[in-house]
Protein backbone atom coordinates (compact mmCIF):
# COMPACT_ATOMS: atom_id res chain seq x y z
CA MET A 1 110.68 50.13 148.75
CA ASN A 2 112.60 50.99 145.64
CA CYS A 3 112.87 47.86 143.51
CA LEU A 4 114.71 49.56 140.63
CA LEU A 5 117.46 51.02 142.79
CA LEU A 6 117.79 47.71 144.63
CA ALA A 7 118.09 45.97 141.30
CA VAL A 8 121.24 47.96 140.55
CA ASN A 9 123.10 45.72 143.02
CA ASN A 10 121.38 42.57 141.77
CA PRO A 11 122.31 41.79 138.11
CA THR A 12 119.73 39.01 137.80
CA LYS A 13 116.87 41.25 138.86
CA LEU A 14 118.12 44.07 136.67
CA ASN A 15 118.32 41.88 133.54
CA LYS A 16 114.80 40.58 134.14
CA LEU A 17 113.55 44.11 134.59
CA LYS A 18 115.24 45.30 131.38
CA LEU A 19 113.78 42.41 129.39
CA LYS A 20 110.38 43.27 130.73
CA LEU A 21 110.84 46.91 129.73
CA VAL A 22 111.79 45.98 126.18
CA LYS A 23 108.87 43.60 125.85
CA PHE A 24 106.31 46.03 127.20
CA ALA A 25 107.60 49.31 125.80
CA SER A 26 104.32 51.18 126.14
CA THR A 27 103.96 50.52 129.87
CA ALA A 28 107.52 49.84 130.89
CA ILE A 29 108.42 53.19 132.34
CA ALA A 30 105.22 53.40 134.32
CA GLN A 31 106.01 50.02 135.87
CA LEU A 32 109.61 51.01 136.40
CA ASN A 33 108.75 54.18 138.22
CA SER A 34 105.98 52.61 140.22
CA CYS A 35 108.73 50.65 141.95
CA PHE A 36 110.06 53.88 143.44
CA PHE A 37 107.08 54.03 145.75
CA SER A 38 104.95 51.79 147.88
CA HIS A 39 101.59 52.99 146.55
CA SER A 40 98.70 53.09 148.96
CA ASP A 41 95.27 54.58 149.00
CA ASP A 42 96.34 56.99 151.66
CA GLU A 43 95.48 60.56 150.60
CA GLN A 44 98.50 61.99 152.37
CA THR A 45 100.87 59.75 150.36
CA THR A 46 99.30 60.91 147.10
CA THR A 47 99.61 64.57 148.07
CA SER A 48 103.30 64.29 148.92
CA PHE A 49 104.12 62.20 145.84
CA ASN A 50 106.60 64.58 144.21
CA THR A 51 108.25 65.48 147.51
CA THR A 52 108.84 61.81 148.32
CA LEU A 53 110.32 61.26 144.88
CA ASN A 54 112.91 64.01 145.28
CA VAL A 55 113.83 62.97 148.81
CA GLN A 56 114.13 59.23 148.34
CA CYS A 57 115.47 59.14 144.77
CA LYS A 58 118.97 60.57 144.93
CA PRO A 59 120.72 61.76 141.75
CA SER A 60 123.61 59.40 142.40
CA LYS A 61 121.23 56.43 142.34
CA VAL A 62 119.57 57.70 139.13
CA VAL A 63 123.01 57.93 137.55
CA GLN A 64 123.67 54.30 138.52
CA VAL A 65 120.41 53.19 136.91
CA LEU A 66 121.12 55.18 133.74
CA GLU A 67 124.62 53.72 133.48
CA SER A 68 123.17 50.25 133.86
CA LEU A 69 120.90 51.04 130.89
CA ARG A 70 123.72 52.26 128.65
CA ARG A 71 122.99 49.47 126.16
CA GLU A 72 119.30 50.36 126.13
CA PRO A 73 119.35 54.06 125.11
CA ASN A 74 115.63 54.33 124.34
CA ILE A 75 114.71 52.90 127.72
CA ALA A 76 117.23 55.17 129.43
CA PHE A 77 115.73 58.19 127.68
CA SER A 78 112.16 57.21 128.60
CA PHE A 79 113.21 56.52 132.20
CA PHE A 80 114.83 59.96 132.41
CA ARG A 81 111.74 61.69 131.02
CA GLU A 82 109.38 59.74 133.25
CA LEU A 83 111.29 60.81 136.35
CA GLU A 84 111.14 64.39 135.14
CA GLU A 85 107.38 64.21 134.60
CA ARG A 86 106.93 62.80 138.11
CA GLY A 87 108.66 65.83 139.58
CA PHE A 88 112.24 64.66 139.99
CA GLN A 89 114.74 67.51 139.62
CA HIS A 90 117.61 66.32 137.42
CA ASN A 91 121.04 67.82 137.96
CA ILE A 92 124.29 67.98 135.97
CA SER A 93 125.26 64.41 136.81
CA THR A 94 121.98 62.84 135.64
CA TYR A 95 121.92 64.95 132.45
CA ALA A 96 125.55 64.06 131.75
CA ALA A 97 124.87 60.34 132.26
CA LEU A 98 122.01 60.34 129.75
CA ILE A 99 123.87 62.55 127.26
CA ARG A 100 126.84 60.12 127.25
CA ILE A 101 124.47 57.26 126.45
CA LEU A 102 122.73 59.14 123.63
CA CYS A 103 126.06 60.33 122.22
CA SER A 104 127.56 56.84 122.23
CA TRP A 105 124.57 55.62 120.22
CA ARG A 106 124.60 58.75 118.02
CA LEU A 107 120.95 59.46 118.72
CA ARG A 108 121.10 63.01 117.41
CA ARG A 109 117.36 63.74 117.48
CA LYS A 110 116.98 62.61 121.07
CA LEU A 111 119.97 64.73 122.02
CA GLU A 112 118.44 67.80 120.40
CA THR A 113 115.09 67.08 122.08
CA LEU A 114 116.82 66.78 125.45
CA PHE A 115 118.63 70.08 124.98
CA LEU A 116 115.48 71.82 123.74
CA ASN A 117 113.68 70.79 126.93
CA LEU A 118 116.67 71.91 128.95
CA ILE A 119 116.77 75.31 127.20
CA GLY A 120 113.06 75.82 127.80
CA SER A 121 113.20 74.73 131.44
CA LYS A 122 112.79 77.42 134.07
CA LYS A 123 113.92 75.10 136.87
CA MET A 124 117.48 74.60 135.63
CA ASP A 125 119.87 75.52 138.45
CA PHE A 126 123.13 74.99 136.54
CA ASP A 127 124.89 76.52 133.57
CA VAL A 128 124.82 74.72 130.22
CA LEU A 129 128.55 75.34 129.86
CA ASP A 130 129.19 73.50 133.14
CA LEU A 131 127.15 70.58 131.81
CA LEU A 132 129.24 70.39 128.65
CA GLU A 133 132.48 70.58 130.58
CA SER A 134 131.33 67.77 132.86
CA LEU A 135 131.23 65.56 129.76
CA ASN A 136 134.88 66.27 129.07
CA GLN A 137 136.54 65.47 132.37
CA GLY A 138 139.82 64.37 130.82
CA CYS A 139 142.38 66.32 128.84
CA VAL A 140 141.42 64.69 125.55
CA LEU A 141 138.30 65.93 123.82
CA ASP A 142 136.06 62.87 123.56
CA ALA A 143 133.37 62.13 120.99
CA SER A 144 130.55 62.55 123.52
CA PHE A 145 131.50 66.16 124.07
CA ILE A 146 131.66 66.94 120.34
CA ARG A 147 128.28 65.36 119.62
CA ALA A 148 126.67 67.03 122.62
CA TYR A 149 128.16 70.39 121.65
CA ASP A 150 126.81 70.10 118.10
CA ALA A 151 123.37 69.01 119.32
CA LEU A 152 123.18 71.92 121.77
CA ILE A 153 124.08 74.44 119.07
CA LYS A 154 121.43 73.02 116.74
CA ALA A 155 118.87 73.13 119.55
CA TYR A 156 119.57 76.82 120.17
CA VAL A 157 119.46 77.59 116.44
CA SER A 158 116.20 75.66 115.89
CA VAL A 159 114.40 78.06 118.26
CA ASN A 160 116.27 81.11 116.91
CA LEU A 161 118.21 81.80 120.11
CA PHE A 162 121.11 83.20 118.11
CA ASP A 163 122.53 85.42 120.86
CA SER A 164 122.73 82.44 123.22
CA VAL A 165 124.44 80.21 120.67
CA VAL A 166 126.96 82.93 119.76
CA ASP A 167 127.74 83.43 123.45
CA LEU A 168 128.23 79.66 123.82
CA LEU A 169 130.50 79.53 120.77
CA PHE A 170 132.72 82.32 122.04
CA ARG A 171 132.94 80.97 125.60
CA LEU A 172 133.87 77.47 124.49
CA GLY A 173 135.99 78.72 121.61
CA ARG A 174 138.28 80.45 124.05
CA LYS A 175 138.76 77.06 125.68
CA GLY A 176 139.74 75.53 122.34
CA PHE A 177 136.44 73.82 121.59
CA VAL A 178 135.16 74.17 118.00
CA PRO A 179 131.95 72.55 116.67
CA HIS A 180 131.87 70.30 113.62
CA ILE A 181 132.02 72.19 110.32
CA PHE A 182 128.56 70.92 109.36
CA THR A 183 127.16 72.49 112.53
CA CYS A 184 128.96 75.75 111.74
CA ASN A 185 127.46 75.75 108.26
CA TYR A 186 123.99 75.12 109.67
CA LEU A 187 124.35 78.06 112.05
CA LEU A 188 125.69 80.44 109.39
CA ASN A 189 122.96 79.51 106.94
CA ARG A 190 120.19 80.04 109.51
CA LEU A 191 121.63 83.42 110.46
CA ILE A 192 121.54 84.50 106.81
CA GLU A 193 117.99 83.16 106.39
CA HIS A 194 116.94 85.41 109.29
CA GLY A 195 118.66 88.45 107.78
CA LYS A 196 121.48 88.51 110.36
CA MET A 197 124.28 88.99 107.81
CA ASN A 198 126.65 90.92 110.05
CA MET A 199 126.27 88.42 112.88
CA ALA A 200 126.99 85.58 110.44
CA LEU A 201 130.19 87.30 109.30
CA VAL A 202 131.32 87.93 112.88
CA VAL A 203 130.69 84.28 113.78
CA TYR A 204 132.57 83.10 110.69
CA LYS A 205 135.63 85.21 111.47
CA GLN A 206 135.62 84.16 115.11
CA LEU A 207 135.30 80.48 114.23
CA LYS A 208 138.32 80.80 111.95
CA ARG A 209 140.31 82.34 114.81
CA PHE A 210 139.35 79.36 116.96
CA GLY A 211 140.76 76.99 114.33
CA CYS A 212 137.66 76.07 112.33
CA GLN A 213 138.53 74.87 108.81
CA PRO A 214 135.88 76.10 106.33
CA ASN A 215 134.76 73.84 103.49
CA ASP A 216 133.37 74.89 100.13
CA TYR A 217 129.85 75.22 101.53
CA THR A 218 131.09 77.47 104.35
CA TYR A 219 132.81 79.75 101.86
CA ALA A 220 129.72 79.81 99.64
CA THR A 221 127.53 80.77 102.61
CA VAL A 222 129.86 83.60 103.62
CA ILE A 223 130.03 84.85 100.02
CA LYS A 224 126.24 84.93 99.99
CA ALA A 225 126.17 87.00 103.21
CA LEU A 226 128.76 89.46 101.87
CA CYS A 227 126.90 89.82 98.59
CA LYS A 228 123.60 90.48 100.35
CA ILE A 229 125.10 93.47 102.16
CA GLY A 230 126.84 94.65 98.99
CA ASN A 231 130.39 93.96 100.18
CA MET A 232 131.61 92.70 96.81
CA GLU A 233 135.30 93.35 97.44
CA GLU A 234 135.44 91.14 100.51
CA ALA A 235 133.49 88.48 98.62
CA ILE A 236 136.24 88.50 95.99
CA ASP A 237 138.78 88.04 98.80
CA ILE A 238 136.92 84.88 99.83
CA PHE A 239 137.10 83.57 96.26
CA GLU A 240 140.85 84.22 96.27
CA GLU A 241 141.23 82.50 99.63
CA MET A 242 139.45 79.45 98.23
CA SER A 243 141.75 79.49 95.23
CA GLY A 244 144.75 79.59 97.57
CA TYR A 245 143.55 76.39 99.21
CA GLY A 246 143.01 74.77 95.81
CA MET A 247 139.23 74.88 96.15
CA VAL A 248 136.95 75.49 93.19
CA PRO A 249 133.90 77.59 94.14
CA ASN A 250 130.71 75.57 93.99
CA ALA A 251 127.67 76.52 91.93
CA PHE A 252 126.04 78.09 95.00
CA ALA A 253 128.95 80.52 95.53
CA CYS A 254 129.16 81.48 91.86
CA ALA A 255 125.43 82.12 91.62
CA ALA A 256 125.46 84.19 94.83
CA TYR A 257 128.10 86.58 93.48
CA ILE A 258 126.49 86.85 90.06
CA GLU A 259 123.12 87.48 91.69
CA ALA A 260 124.58 90.31 93.77
CA LEU A 261 125.86 92.02 90.63
CA CYS A 262 122.49 91.65 88.91
CA THR A 263 120.62 92.89 91.97
CA HIS A 264 122.67 96.10 91.85
CA ASP A 265 121.73 96.75 88.18
CA CYS A 266 125.00 95.32 86.89
CA SER A 267 123.49 92.44 84.93
CA THR A 268 125.87 92.95 82.02
CA SER A 269 128.85 92.53 84.36
CA GLY A 270 127.14 89.55 85.97
CA TYR A 271 126.69 87.87 82.61
CA GLN A 272 130.29 88.59 81.59
CA LEU A 273 131.50 87.01 84.83
CA LEU A 274 129.27 83.98 84.23
CA GLN A 275 130.82 83.53 80.79
CA ALA A 276 134.35 83.91 82.18
CA TRP A 277 133.77 81.37 84.94
CA ARG A 278 132.13 79.03 82.48
CA ALA A 279 135.26 79.23 80.30
CA GLU A 280 137.33 78.27 83.37
CA ARG A 281 134.98 75.30 83.89
CA PHE A 282 133.50 76.60 87.11
CA PRO A 283 130.21 74.89 88.02
CA ILE A 284 127.51 77.14 86.56
CA ASP A 285 123.98 75.82 87.06
CA ALA A 286 120.54 76.86 85.85
CA TYR A 287 120.04 79.13 88.85
CA ALA A 288 123.03 81.30 87.86
CA TYR A 289 121.53 81.79 84.40
CA SER A 290 118.14 82.51 85.98
CA VAL A 291 119.50 85.34 88.13
CA VAL A 292 121.11 86.96 85.08
CA ILE A 293 117.86 86.65 83.12
CA ARG A 294 115.96 88.16 86.05
CA GLY A 295 118.50 90.97 86.28
CA PHE A 296 118.08 91.89 82.63
CA CYS A 297 114.28 91.66 82.95
CA ASP A 298 114.33 93.97 85.98
CA GLU A 299 116.39 96.41 83.92
CA MET A 300 113.78 95.97 81.14
CA LYS A 301 116.43 94.58 78.78
CA ILE A 302 114.32 91.74 77.45
CA ASP A 303 116.40 91.14 74.33
CA GLU A 304 119.48 90.50 76.47
CA ALA A 305 117.45 88.20 78.72
CA GLU A 306 116.37 86.20 75.66
CA SER A 307 120.00 85.89 74.55
CA VAL A 308 121.02 84.46 77.93
CA PHE A 309 118.15 81.97 77.76
CA LEU A 310 119.28 80.76 74.32
CA ASP A 311 122.91 80.76 75.46
CA MET A 312 122.26 78.43 78.39
CA GLU A 313 120.52 75.94 76.10
CA ASN A 314 123.44 76.06 73.66
CA TYR A 315 125.78 75.13 76.52
CA GLY A 316 123.63 72.21 77.56
CA VAL A 317 122.19 73.77 80.71
CA VAL A 318 118.54 72.77 80.84
CA PRO A 319 116.19 75.60 81.89
CA ASP A 320 113.97 74.68 84.81
CA ALA A 321 110.59 76.05 85.88
CA GLN A 322 112.25 78.95 87.67
CA THR A 323 114.18 79.98 84.54
CA TYR A 324 111.03 79.93 82.42
CA SER A 325 109.16 81.78 85.16
CA VAL A 326 111.67 84.63 85.24
CA LEU A 327 111.57 85.20 81.47
CA ILE A 328 107.78 84.87 81.30
CA ASP A 329 107.58 87.51 84.04
CA GLY A 330 109.86 89.75 81.98
CA TYR A 331 107.63 89.44 78.92
CA CYS A 332 104.55 90.14 81.02
CA LYS A 333 106.09 93.27 82.53
CA LYS A 334 106.64 94.54 78.99
CA LEU A 335 103.06 93.51 78.14
CA ASN A 336 104.41 91.18 75.46
CA LEU A 337 101.64 88.68 76.06
CA GLN A 338 102.20 86.73 72.86
CA LYS A 339 105.80 85.86 73.74
CA ALA A 340 104.84 85.05 77.32
CA LEU A 341 102.18 82.57 76.19
CA SER A 342 104.50 81.12 73.54
CA LEU A 343 107.27 80.53 76.08
CA HIS A 344 104.78 79.01 78.50
CA SER A 345 103.65 76.57 75.80
CA LEU A 346 107.29 75.70 75.06
CA MET A 347 107.87 74.99 78.74
CA LEU A 348 104.89 72.63 78.87
CA SER A 349 106.06 70.87 75.69
CA LYS A 350 109.39 70.18 77.46
CA GLY A 351 107.53 68.32 80.18
CA ILE A 352 108.01 71.07 82.77
CA LYS A 353 104.89 71.67 84.83
CA SER A 354 103.47 75.14 85.25
CA ASN A 355 102.76 76.60 88.69
CA CYS A 356 100.69 79.27 90.38
CA VAL A 357 103.51 81.83 90.20
CA ILE A 358 103.73 81.61 86.41
CA VAL A 359 99.94 81.65 86.14
CA SER A 360 99.81 84.83 88.23
CA PHE A 361 102.28 86.55 85.87
CA ILE A 362 100.18 85.68 82.83
CA LEU A 363 96.83 86.62 84.39
CA GLN A 364 98.28 89.88 85.73
CA CYS A 365 99.42 90.73 82.21
CA PHE A 366 95.89 90.15 80.88
CA LEU A 367 94.60 92.36 83.70
CA ARG A 368 97.02 95.22 82.96
CA MET A 369 95.98 95.06 79.30
CA GLN A 370 92.34 95.38 80.45
CA MET A 371 91.48 91.98 78.96
CA TYR A 372 89.25 91.17 81.92
CA SER A 373 87.14 88.45 80.31
CA GLU A 374 90.30 86.68 79.17
CA VAL A 375 91.57 86.68 82.77
CA VAL A 376 88.47 84.76 83.84
CA ASN A 377 88.60 82.38 80.86
CA GLN A 378 92.30 81.58 81.31
CA PHE A 379 91.76 81.03 85.03
CA LYS A 380 89.14 78.39 84.25
CA VAL A 381 91.52 76.70 81.78
CA PHE A 382 94.30 76.50 84.37
CA GLN A 383 91.81 75.30 86.97
CA GLU A 384 90.59 72.50 84.70
CA LYS A 385 94.20 71.34 84.27
CA GLY A 386 94.34 70.66 88.00
CA LEU A 387 96.94 73.31 88.83
CA PHE A 388 97.11 74.54 92.41
CA LEU A 389 96.09 78.20 92.28
CA ASP A 390 97.03 80.32 95.27
CA LYS A 391 95.44 83.40 96.81
CA VAL A 392 97.39 85.74 94.52
CA VAL A 393 95.80 84.15 91.45
CA TYR A 394 92.34 84.29 93.01
CA ASN A 395 92.77 87.99 93.80
CA ILE A 396 93.69 88.77 90.18
CA VAL A 397 90.53 87.04 88.96
CA VAL A 398 88.39 88.77 91.62
CA HIS A 399 89.83 92.09 90.42
CA ALA A 400 88.91 91.23 86.81
CA LEU A 401 85.36 90.24 87.80
CA CYS A 402 84.95 93.52 89.69
CA GLU A 403 86.11 95.44 86.61
CA LEU A 404 83.48 93.54 84.61
CA GLY A 405 80.86 94.50 87.19
CA LYS A 406 80.29 90.83 88.08
CA LEU A 407 80.36 91.35 91.83
CA GLU A 408 78.27 88.29 92.70
CA GLU A 409 80.63 86.05 90.73
CA ALA A 410 83.57 87.67 92.51
CA ILE A 411 82.05 86.89 95.91
CA GLU A 412 81.28 83.31 94.81
CA LEU A 413 84.90 82.90 93.71
CA LEU A 414 86.13 84.05 97.13
CA GLU A 415 83.78 81.54 98.77
CA GLU A 416 85.23 78.84 96.52
CA MET A 417 88.72 79.92 97.57
CA THR A 418 87.93 79.67 101.29
CA SER A 419 86.34 76.25 100.72
CA ARG A 420 89.78 75.18 99.47
CA GLN A 421 91.25 76.21 102.84
CA ILE A 422 92.77 79.41 101.41
CA GLN A 423 91.83 82.23 103.76
CA MET A 424 90.97 85.73 102.58
CA ASP A 425 93.60 88.33 103.42
CA VAL A 426 93.59 92.12 103.43
CA ILE A 427 94.28 92.25 99.67
CA HIS A 428 91.15 90.23 98.82
CA TYR A 429 88.96 92.38 101.07
CA THR A 430 90.45 95.60 99.66
CA THR A 431 89.91 94.44 96.07
CA MET A 432 86.25 93.69 96.81
CA ILE A 433 85.73 96.99 98.64
CA LYS A 434 87.14 98.88 95.65
CA GLY A 435 84.93 96.89 93.26
CA LEU A 436 81.80 97.58 95.31
CA PHE A 437 82.55 101.31 95.48
CA ALA A 438 83.09 101.39 91.71
CA GLN A 439 79.55 100.06 91.25
CA GLY A 440 78.13 102.59 93.72
CA LYS A 441 77.38 99.93 96.34
CA ILE A 442 78.49 102.03 99.32
CA HIS A 443 76.62 100.06 102.00
CA GLU A 444 77.99 96.73 100.75
CA ALA A 445 81.52 98.18 100.59
CA MET A 446 81.33 99.34 104.22
CA MET A 447 79.88 95.97 105.27
CA MET A 448 82.84 94.27 103.59
CA PHE A 449 85.15 96.53 105.61
CA GLU A 450 83.32 95.56 108.82
CA ASN A 451 83.65 91.86 107.92
CA LEU A 452 87.36 92.39 107.40
CA LYS A 453 87.77 93.68 110.96
CA LYS A 454 85.37 91.10 112.41
CA ASN A 455 87.41 88.26 110.89
CA GLY A 456 90.59 89.50 112.52
CA VAL A 457 92.20 90.88 109.37
CA GLU A 458 94.19 94.07 109.91
CA PRO A 459 93.41 96.82 107.37
CA ASP A 460 96.50 98.36 105.76
CA SER A 461 97.16 101.82 104.30
CA ILE A 462 95.89 100.71 100.89
CA THR A 463 92.58 99.62 102.43
CA TYR A 464 92.09 103.03 104.04
CA ASN A 465 93.08 104.77 100.80
CA VAL A 466 90.46 102.74 98.91
CA LEU A 467 87.84 103.66 101.53
CA ALA A 468 88.74 107.35 101.38
CA ALA A 469 88.71 107.37 97.56
CA GLY A 470 85.45 105.42 97.34
CA LEU A 471 83.59 107.60 99.83
CA SER A 472 84.93 110.77 98.21
CA ARG A 473 84.03 109.72 94.68
CA ASN A 474 80.49 109.01 95.84
CA GLY A 475 80.29 112.50 97.37
CA LEU A 476 80.05 111.31 100.99
CA VAL A 477 82.01 114.16 102.56
CA SER A 478 80.81 113.49 106.12
CA LYS A 479 81.76 109.80 105.83
CA VAL A 480 85.23 110.79 104.65
CA GLN A 481 85.65 112.99 107.71
CA GLU A 482 84.39 110.16 109.95
CA LEU A 483 87.02 107.87 108.44
CA LEU A 484 89.79 110.41 109.02
CA ASN A 485 88.61 110.90 112.63
CA TYR A 486 88.50 107.12 113.14
CA MET A 487 92.07 106.78 111.93
CA GLU A 488 93.23 109.60 114.20
CA GLU A 489 91.43 108.17 117.25
CA HIS A 490 93.00 104.75 116.69
CA GLY A 491 96.47 106.15 116.16
CA LEU A 492 96.58 105.04 112.54
CA ARG A 493 99.16 106.84 110.46
CA GLU A 494 97.67 108.54 107.43
CA ASP A 495 99.22 107.63 104.08
CA PRO A 496 100.65 110.78 102.39
CA LYS A 497 98.65 109.81 99.30
CA MET A 498 95.30 109.92 101.11
CA PRO A 499 94.70 113.71 100.96
CA ASN A 500 95.40 113.61 97.22
CA LEU A 501 92.91 110.78 96.75
CA VAL A 502 90.27 112.66 98.72
CA ILE A 503 90.80 115.87 96.70
CA GLU A 504 90.73 114.21 93.28
CA ASN A 505 87.82 111.88 94.02
CA LEU A 506 85.69 114.61 95.59
CA CYS A 507 86.12 116.55 92.35
CA ILE A 508 85.26 113.48 90.27
CA GLY A 509 82.15 113.07 92.43
CA GLY A 510 81.12 116.65 91.66
CA LYS A 511 82.07 118.05 95.07
CA VAL A 512 84.54 120.67 93.82
CA LYS A 513 83.69 123.16 96.55
CA GLU A 514 84.21 120.54 99.26
CA ALA A 515 87.47 119.42 97.63
CA THR A 516 88.73 123.01 97.64
CA GLU A 517 87.76 123.42 101.29
CA PHE A 518 89.53 120.18 102.18
CA PHE A 519 92.60 121.33 100.24
CA ASN A 520 92.61 124.70 102.03
CA SER A 521 92.27 122.93 105.41
CA LEU A 522 95.59 121.14 104.97
CA GLU A 523 98.09 122.71 107.36
CA VAL A 524 101.06 121.83 105.17
CA LYS A 525 100.58 121.60 101.43
CA THR A 526 102.99 119.51 99.37
CA VAL A 527 103.67 119.63 95.64
CA ASP A 528 101.61 116.45 95.31
CA ASN A 529 98.67 118.15 97.05
CA TYR A 530 98.81 121.01 94.55
CA ALA A 531 99.04 118.54 91.67
CA ALA A 532 96.02 116.66 93.04
CA MET A 533 94.03 119.90 93.16
CA ILE A 534 94.92 120.68 89.53
CA ASN A 535 94.01 117.10 88.53
CA GLY A 536 90.73 117.41 90.41
CA TYR A 537 89.82 120.67 88.76
CA CYS A 538 90.58 119.17 85.36
CA ALA A 539 88.47 116.08 86.12
CA ALA A 540 85.56 118.31 87.15
CA ASN A 541 85.93 120.48 84.02
CA SER A 542 86.95 123.44 86.19
CA THR A 543 89.83 124.17 83.86
CA LYS A 544 89.95 127.89 84.60
CA ALA A 545 90.44 127.19 88.30
CA ALA A 546 93.18 124.68 87.46
CA TYR A 547 94.96 127.18 85.21
CA LYS A 548 94.66 129.94 87.81
CA LEU A 549 96.22 127.68 90.45
CA PHE A 550 99.00 126.77 88.00
CA VAL A 551 99.78 130.46 87.31
CA ASN A 552 99.91 131.29 91.03
CA LEU A 553 102.22 128.34 91.70
CA SER A 554 104.48 129.33 88.81
CA LYS A 555 104.86 132.80 90.30
CA GLU A 556 105.78 131.27 93.65
CA GLY A 557 108.29 128.94 92.02
CA VAL A 558 106.38 125.75 92.88
CA PHE A 559 107.09 123.07 90.27
CA ILE A 560 104.23 120.72 89.40
CA LYS A 561 104.88 117.20 88.17
CA ARG A 562 104.77 116.46 84.45
CA SER A 563 101.64 114.28 84.42
CA SER A 564 99.53 117.06 85.96
CA LEU A 565 100.83 119.59 83.44
CA VAL A 566 100.02 117.29 80.52
CA ARG A 567 96.50 116.83 81.89
CA LEU A 568 96.08 120.59 82.23
CA VAL A 569 97.36 121.22 78.68
CA SER A 570 94.96 118.60 77.31
CA ARG A 571 91.98 120.19 79.07
CA LEU A 572 92.96 123.66 77.87
CA CYS A 573 93.23 122.42 74.29
CA MET A 574 89.84 120.70 74.52
CA GLU A 575 88.29 123.98 75.65
CA ASN A 576 89.94 125.88 72.80
CA SER A 577 92.26 127.70 75.20
CA SER A 578 95.24 126.98 72.99
CA PHE A 579 97.27 130.02 73.97
CA ARG A 580 96.98 129.14 77.65
CA ALA A 581 98.03 125.60 76.75
CA ILE A 582 101.12 126.98 75.03
CA GLU A 583 101.89 129.09 78.10
CA VAL A 584 101.86 125.93 80.21
CA MET A 585 104.14 124.24 77.67
CA LYS A 586 106.55 127.16 77.85
CA GLN A 587 106.96 126.47 81.56
CA LEU A 588 108.25 122.94 80.98
CA PRO A 589 111.93 123.87 80.37
CA VAL A 590 111.83 126.55 83.09
CA MET A 591 110.57 123.99 85.58
CA ASN A 592 113.38 121.65 84.64
CA LEU A 593 110.96 118.87 83.69
CA GLU A 594 112.11 116.40 81.08
CA ALA A 595 110.08 117.03 77.90
CA LYS A 596 109.59 113.47 76.74
CA GLU A 597 108.30 112.50 73.33
CA PHE A 598 104.92 111.46 74.65
CA VAL A 599 104.40 114.95 76.16
CA TYR A 600 104.83 116.62 72.76
CA ASN A 601 102.67 114.03 71.04
CA LYS A 602 99.91 114.59 73.57
CA VAL A 603 99.95 118.37 73.18
CA ILE A 604 100.33 118.39 69.38
CA ALA A 605 97.45 115.91 69.07
CA SER A 606 95.27 118.15 71.22
CA LEU A 607 96.16 121.23 69.17
CA CYS A 608 95.66 119.48 65.84
CA GLN A 609 92.25 118.28 66.98
CA PHE A 610 91.10 121.89 66.88
CA CYS A 611 93.14 122.79 63.76
CA LEU A 612 95.31 125.24 65.68
CA MET A 613 98.69 125.83 64.04
CA VAL A 614 100.94 127.93 66.26
CA ASP A 615 104.53 129.05 66.10
CA LEU A 616 106.34 127.56 69.07
CA LYS A 617 109.65 128.77 70.40
CA PRO A 618 112.82 127.31 68.85
CA GLU A 619 113.38 124.90 71.74
CA TYR A 620 110.06 123.18 70.94
CA LYS A 621 110.95 122.83 67.27
CA SER A 622 113.79 120.56 68.33
CA ALA A 623 111.41 118.24 70.12
CA PRO A 624 111.67 114.50 69.45
CA GLN A 625 110.44 113.53 66.01
């Protein structure tokens, strides 16, 4: 009945069968397994197929067959899987037999596949730990166990079952079993990638207790984890431990520590450390310089960032695309477009290709400078050069087209984007909705919102803010209320900024009365709500109402933010209410608001416009010159 199991006791038959399997790889296992049964056309035999297999094919016999195939690992693996697919329930002994074969041939991928299937199986009636221990029946830890252990850990990690792998590590660690250092590094790195810093540190310390010997990559990974949680002192301890073992920190470790300093607004210290390590001939790569440049740019210290860039070139470290990208971004944040474009040209002249990230920085700078036509023109230039342009770049250009009132072109551009297999996201829809509202196309804006929901895109708080602002500015009070009711019915949390947007935009749309009623309907009024009401009154030329609200708030000790006060002062000056403007100015020191230079310039310019020379209090005479 069972030709394969009979062949186990007949070497000649077995060899012939194995040769046949090798020759006909695609059909071998089917032929092999067909020998387990005497197929007939009987319906009852077909129905009880899987039951017959489990009854007549004993695990001990399967183990014998697998052991006979130990020199044919691929066939053994296929045979094992075929049995499984036909309903045979493998046990510890059959798994162990196949694992030994795969380990002896170092077939790592097949091992990981086997363990992945085992982890995902709901029919497993044995513990994985028991399976591993069955591989190590002697006192000496053999290679099969080590390879199987490593493969199992990687299988767990690959599907993010971190709790299971940590449990396995601790259980086997107490028995004296420690995975290969490469496997440990893989686990630690994946934990950090998934934001599990504390778990990574616990695993590291436990592995050391179990006798694991870290290498330079292990130390670098742990330093990275410590730096990410801001534990700089313990990171220094790791550096000292490495030094005690005669290890020089690799470039990855150095950059991780420097990056942590720069992330915490200590870029000057980070750069000083970079220079000190460089003097000690530590490996400092382009990435370390890049993080310092980024740190200075984030602190808006562009001159220092430029110095670091020049310094790295002087020391023979070649800037890469990332380095250029960071500095270009810094220039763009400062709206220094000329330097950004100049550096971009220098990068291209060095043979370094541009990318969509750098393009987005440059186009965003054009957009912030309200150079909308130039955004579109530059986009076409980059497109003609064959650069891949992502959805961020497309959104910037759509925004520019909306600002230019070219809504049809914006929609065509989005269609072009989707034709390139780049799907619209909530940001694209929100940008278009805002653009349509700005042109008074209320129906089209609401249709765009409906399309967003229909296409399975989840609106975010910004989307709802844009809707509320757009409806309010167009004076659609009832629609605003419908939107607020919709959000409440669907359990959507209202953004704290939304009431302010409604108030200000109702005023801009000429609905001052409705804005006041909405403001009065707020159960709890914040300082920002009051500021929005003052801004709204100013926008609607209801300056007297704004000033009256300001006076009442001053009496109650409510402090309004600086920008709203400056707007109020400007409106008062424009309406020749200079003395009221001065009264507002007098409140600035009392309200403990920092009187910046631009505040004085704004007020003085407004006063001078109407030729009003007034004698301010002494504290104003000491204002910035």
